Protein backbone atom coordinates (compact mmCIF):
# COMPACT_ATOMS: atom_id res chain seq x y z
CA MET A 1 -146.75 98.02 -69.67
CA THR A 2 -145.70 99.86 -72.82
CA SER A 3 -143.45 98.35 -75.49
CA SER A 4 -140.72 100.78 -74.38
CA GLN A 5 -140.97 99.56 -70.80
CA THR A 6 -140.93 95.93 -71.94
CA SER A 7 -137.71 96.56 -73.88
CA LYS A 8 -136.10 98.23 -70.87
CA LYS A 9 -137.24 95.37 -68.63
CA GLN A 10 -135.44 92.85 -70.83
CA ASP A 11 -132.25 94.92 -70.65
CA LEU A 12 -132.15 95.15 -66.85
CA PRO A 13 -129.01 93.67 -65.29
CA ALA A 14 -129.23 91.27 -62.38
CA THR A 15 -128.05 94.04 -60.04
CA ALA A 16 -131.16 96.06 -60.81
CA TRP A 17 -133.34 93.09 -59.92
CA ALA A 18 -131.35 92.58 -56.72
CA VAL A 19 -131.95 96.22 -55.71
CA LEU A 20 -135.64 95.89 -56.55
CA GLY A 21 -135.67 92.63 -54.60
CA MET A 22 -134.45 94.39 -51.47
CA LEU A 23 -137.32 96.86 -51.91
CA SER A 24 -139.81 93.98 -52.13
CA PHE A 25 -139.59 93.38 -48.38
CA PRO A 26 -141.83 95.42 -46.06
CA GLY A 27 -140.86 99.03 -45.46
CA GLU A 28 -139.26 101.91 -47.35
CA ARG A 29 -135.49 102.29 -47.55
CA THR A 30 -132.89 104.85 -48.51
CA GLY A 31 -130.07 104.03 -50.88
CA TYR A 32 -127.69 104.02 -47.91
CA GLU A 33 -129.87 101.50 -46.07
CA LEU A 34 -129.96 99.29 -49.15
CA LYS A 35 -126.17 99.40 -49.32
CA LYS A 36 -125.87 98.39 -45.65
CA TRP A 37 -128.27 95.50 -46.20
CA ALA A 38 -126.38 94.35 -49.29
CA ASP A 39 -123.11 94.43 -47.32
CA SER A 40 -124.57 92.38 -44.47
CA SER A 41 -126.51 89.84 -46.50
CA LEU A 42 -126.48 89.95 -50.29
CA ARG A 43 -122.69 89.89 -50.61
CA PHE A 44 -122.43 86.48 -48.97
CA PHE A 45 -124.02 84.71 -51.93
CA TYR A 46 -124.12 87.24 -54.79
CA TRP A 47 -122.21 90.49 -54.40
CA SER A 48 -122.57 93.97 -52.95
CA PRO A 49 -122.88 96.79 -55.50
CA ALA A 50 -121.25 100.13 -54.87
CA ILE A 51 -123.46 102.86 -53.41
CA SER A 52 -123.23 104.78 -56.69
CA GLN A 53 -124.49 101.74 -58.58
CA ILE A 54 -127.38 101.31 -56.17
CA TYR A 55 -128.51 104.90 -56.74
CA ALA A 56 -128.10 104.47 -60.50
CA GLU A 57 -130.32 101.39 -60.41
CA LEU A 58 -132.86 103.16 -58.21
CA ARG A 59 -133.14 105.95 -60.79
CA ARG A 60 -133.57 103.40 -63.54
CA LEU A 61 -136.23 101.53 -61.57
CA GLU A 62 -138.12 104.78 -60.98
CA GLU A 63 -138.04 105.59 -64.69
CA LEU A 64 -139.58 102.19 -65.40
CA GLY A 65 -142.24 102.72 -62.77
CA TYR A 66 -140.95 99.77 -60.75
CA ALA A 67 -140.05 101.92 -57.74
CA ALA A 68 -141.24 105.22 -56.28
CA SER A 69 -139.53 107.60 -53.89
CA ALA A 70 -140.40 110.48 -51.60
CA ARG A 71 -138.34 112.89 -49.53
CA SER A 72 -138.71 112.86 -45.77
CA GLY A 73 -140.56 115.65 -44.08
CA PRO A 74 -139.36 118.42 -41.74
CA GLU A 75 -139.54 116.04 -38.79
CA GLU A 76 -136.13 114.67 -39.81
CA ALA A 77 -133.11 116.88 -39.29
CA ARG A 78 -131.57 115.66 -42.54
CA ALA A 79 -133.78 115.13 -45.56
CA LYS A 80 -133.67 111.60 -46.97
CA ARG A 81 -135.17 110.04 -50.06
CA ARG A 82 -136.82 106.73 -49.33
CA TYR A 83 -137.71 104.18 -51.97
CA ALA A 84 -140.48 101.61 -52.18
CA ILE A 85 -141.49 99.03 -54.76
CA THR A 86 -144.63 99.66 -56.83
CA ASP A 87 -147.27 97.11 -57.79
CA THR A 88 -145.87 97.13 -61.33
CA GLY A 89 -142.38 96.55 -59.98
CA ARG A 90 -143.51 93.69 -57.76
CA ALA A 91 -145.23 91.98 -60.68
CA ALA A 92 -142.15 92.39 -62.90
CA LEU A 93 -139.85 91.13 -60.13
CA ALA A 94 -142.06 88.08 -59.52
CA ASP A 95 -141.96 87.34 -63.25
CA TRP A 96 -138.15 87.65 -63.35
CA ALA A 97 -137.66 85.55 -60.19
CA SER A 98 -139.79 82.77 -61.69
CA ASP A 99 -137.76 82.62 -64.91
CA THR A 100 -135.31 79.79 -64.26
CA ALA A 101 -133.63 80.35 -67.63
CA GLU A 102 -132.29 83.67 -66.33
CA ALA A 103 -130.51 82.19 -63.31
CA GLY A 104 -127.52 80.82 -65.21
CA PRO A 105 -124.63 78.85 -63.72
CA PRO A 106 -122.69 80.14 -60.69
CA VAL A 107 -119.49 82.02 -61.50
CA LEU A 108 -116.35 81.29 -59.50
CA LYS A 109 -113.43 83.76 -59.59
CA HIS A 110 -111.07 82.55 -56.87
CA GLY A 111 -108.13 84.93 -56.60
CA LEU A 112 -106.21 82.59 -54.30
CA LEU A 113 -106.50 79.63 -56.68
CA LEU A 114 -105.28 81.78 -59.56
CA ARG A 115 -102.10 82.34 -57.53
CA ILE A 116 -101.87 78.66 -56.63
CA TRP A 117 -102.14 77.92 -60.36
CA LEU A 118 -99.07 80.12 -60.77
CA GLY A 119 -97.34 78.50 -57.82
CA HIS A 120 -94.27 77.59 -59.85
CA LEU A 121 -93.40 81.29 -59.73
CA ALA A 122 -93.77 81.66 -55.95
CA GLU A 123 -91.99 80.47 -52.84
CA PRO A 124 -93.76 77.55 -51.08
CA GLU A 125 -93.76 79.44 -47.78
CA MET A 126 -95.55 82.36 -49.41
CA LEU A 127 -98.20 80.08 -50.88
CA ARG A 128 -98.84 78.48 -47.50
CA ALA A 129 -99.06 81.93 -45.88
CA MET A 130 -101.60 83.03 -48.50
CA VAL A 131 -103.76 79.99 -47.80
CA GLY A 132 -103.50 80.66 -44.07
CA GLU A 133 -104.63 84.26 -44.57
CA HIS A 134 -107.51 83.03 -46.72
CA LEU A 135 -108.61 80.65 -43.96
CA GLU A 136 -108.56 83.46 -41.38
CA ARG A 137 -110.54 85.73 -43.67
CA THR A 138 -113.06 82.95 -44.34
CA ARG A 139 -113.52 82.36 -40.61
CA GLY A 140 -114.28 86.07 -40.22
CA GLU A 141 -116.78 85.94 -43.08
CA LEU A 142 -118.41 82.86 -41.55
CA ALA A 143 -118.89 84.75 -38.29
CA ALA A 144 -120.47 87.64 -40.21
CA VAL A 145 -122.81 85.25 -42.03
CA ARG A 146 -123.94 83.74 -38.75
CA GLU A 147 -124.52 87.19 -37.28
CA ALA A 148 -126.66 88.12 -40.29
CA MET A 149 -128.59 84.86 -39.92
CA ALA A 150 -129.31 85.62 -36.28
CA GLN A 151 -130.61 89.09 -37.11
CA ALA A 152 -132.72 87.92 -40.06
CA GLY A 153 -134.08 85.01 -38.06
CA GLU A 154 -135.86 87.48 -35.78
CA VAL A 155 -138.03 88.78 -38.64
CA ALA A 156 -140.73 86.47 -40.02
CA GLU A 157 -140.72 88.19 -43.43
CA TRP A 158 -137.03 87.32 -43.91
CA ALA A 159 -137.47 83.54 -43.82
CA PHE A 160 -136.21 83.10 -47.38
CA PRO A 161 -133.16 85.37 -46.95
CA VAL A 162 -132.31 83.15 -43.96
CA LEU A 163 -132.31 80.14 -46.29
CA ALA A 164 -129.87 81.93 -48.62
CA LEU A 165 -127.66 82.83 -45.66
CA ARG A 166 -127.80 79.25 -44.39
CA TRP A 167 -126.53 78.12 -47.79
CA SER A 168 -123.75 80.69 -47.50
CA GLU A 169 -122.85 79.34 -44.04
CA ARG A 170 -122.44 75.86 -45.53
CA GLN A 171 -120.41 77.30 -48.41
CA HIS A 172 -118.00 79.01 -46.02
CA LEU A 173 -117.65 75.82 -43.99
CA ALA A 174 -116.84 73.97 -47.20
CA GLU A 175 -114.33 76.69 -48.12
CA LEU A 176 -112.56 76.14 -44.80
CA GLU A 177 -112.42 72.41 -45.46
CA LEU A 178 -111.06 73.01 -48.97
CA GLY A 179 -108.45 75.44 -47.62
CA GLU A 180 -107.20 72.93 -45.06
CA ALA A 181 -107.03 70.26 -47.80
CA LEU A 182 -105.09 72.71 -49.99
CA LEU A 183 -102.53 73.20 -47.22
CA ALA A 184 -102.12 69.42 -47.05
CA ASP A 185 -101.75 69.26 -50.84
CA LEU A 186 -99.05 71.93 -50.77
CA ALA A 187 -97.16 70.04 -48.06
CA GLU A 188 -97.40 66.81 -50.05
CA LEU A 189 -96.23 68.55 -53.21
CA ALA A 190 -93.29 70.10 -51.39
CA ALA A 191 -92.25 66.72 -50.01
CA ALA A 192 -92.59 65.05 -53.40
CA GLY A 193 -90.67 67.89 -55.05
CA THR A 194 -87.76 67.52 -52.63
CA LYS A 195 -87.50 63.79 -53.39
CA ALA A 196 -87.77 64.35 -57.12
CA LEU A 197 -85.05 67.01 -57.15
CA ALA A 198 -82.66 64.62 -55.41
CA GLY A 199 -82.60 62.30 -58.41
CA ALA A 200 -83.95 64.48 -61.20
CA PRO A 201 -82.25 64.43 -64.61
CA GLU A 202 -81.01 67.63 -66.15
CA ALA A 203 -83.87 69.76 -67.42
CA ALA A 204 -84.30 70.20 -71.16
CA PRO A 205 -82.85 73.49 -72.41
CA PRO A 206 -85.11 76.26 -73.69
CA GLY A 207 -86.23 75.66 -77.26
CA ALA A 208 -86.12 71.88 -76.94
CA PRO A 209 -88.51 69.90 -79.20
CA ALA A 210 -92.09 69.61 -78.00
CA ALA A 211 -91.64 65.88 -77.38
CA ASP A 212 -89.11 66.73 -74.66
CA ARG A 213 -91.61 68.89 -72.84
CA GLN A 214 -94.59 67.92 -70.71
CA GLY A 215 -96.88 65.43 -72.43
CA GLY A 216 -95.31 66.19 -75.79
CA GLY A 217 -97.27 69.44 -76.06
CA ASP A 218 -97.51 72.99 -74.80
CA ALA A 219 -100.57 72.52 -72.60
CA PRO A 220 -100.79 70.45 -69.40
CA THR A 221 -104.19 69.09 -70.46
CA PRO A 222 -105.21 66.69 -73.23
CA GLY A 223 -106.10 68.10 -76.60
């Protein structure tokens, strides 16, 4: 590998490695097939890149010599470009997958919890409805995960993707449990708030000294 290729390898985003990873399984695939696979598997524990991003990464991988492509012959009514991993790409992918320092911590961006955090600006009924919708959506995702597990379980080469999907199944089950607990927390908070309002003193006016506000400071956490 040249010094130029080594530099490019170090700059590859995780999405490029994910695309190359999908090519590491037996067979050749089009960009559209990679997108379908990402939507039915990868998104449950990582994310699903847009089709345009997949093709951009495929071009980059070809430039590095990590992937190769060929157009289909006249036997297909519509010409397609299929991609496959190269020996160089497989070696680079194995090296990246073995580098535990690159994994990093998981990132959680929970849109529902951001709105719960701002619950003082919303109606309690709306918050409960949002949690209910989240639970329904999660149940649908759980069904999709289990369908993907069933399909992958029929292919011996996909044993490790099945393990990732099994983890995702457990994560969705935990998300359902957390959502139900959140509904209970909201109900408890609403009940406590009703009792507190019945005998609550008059609130401090805007601009009151910091000592009159929560915890004597501007933030609800220590420090």
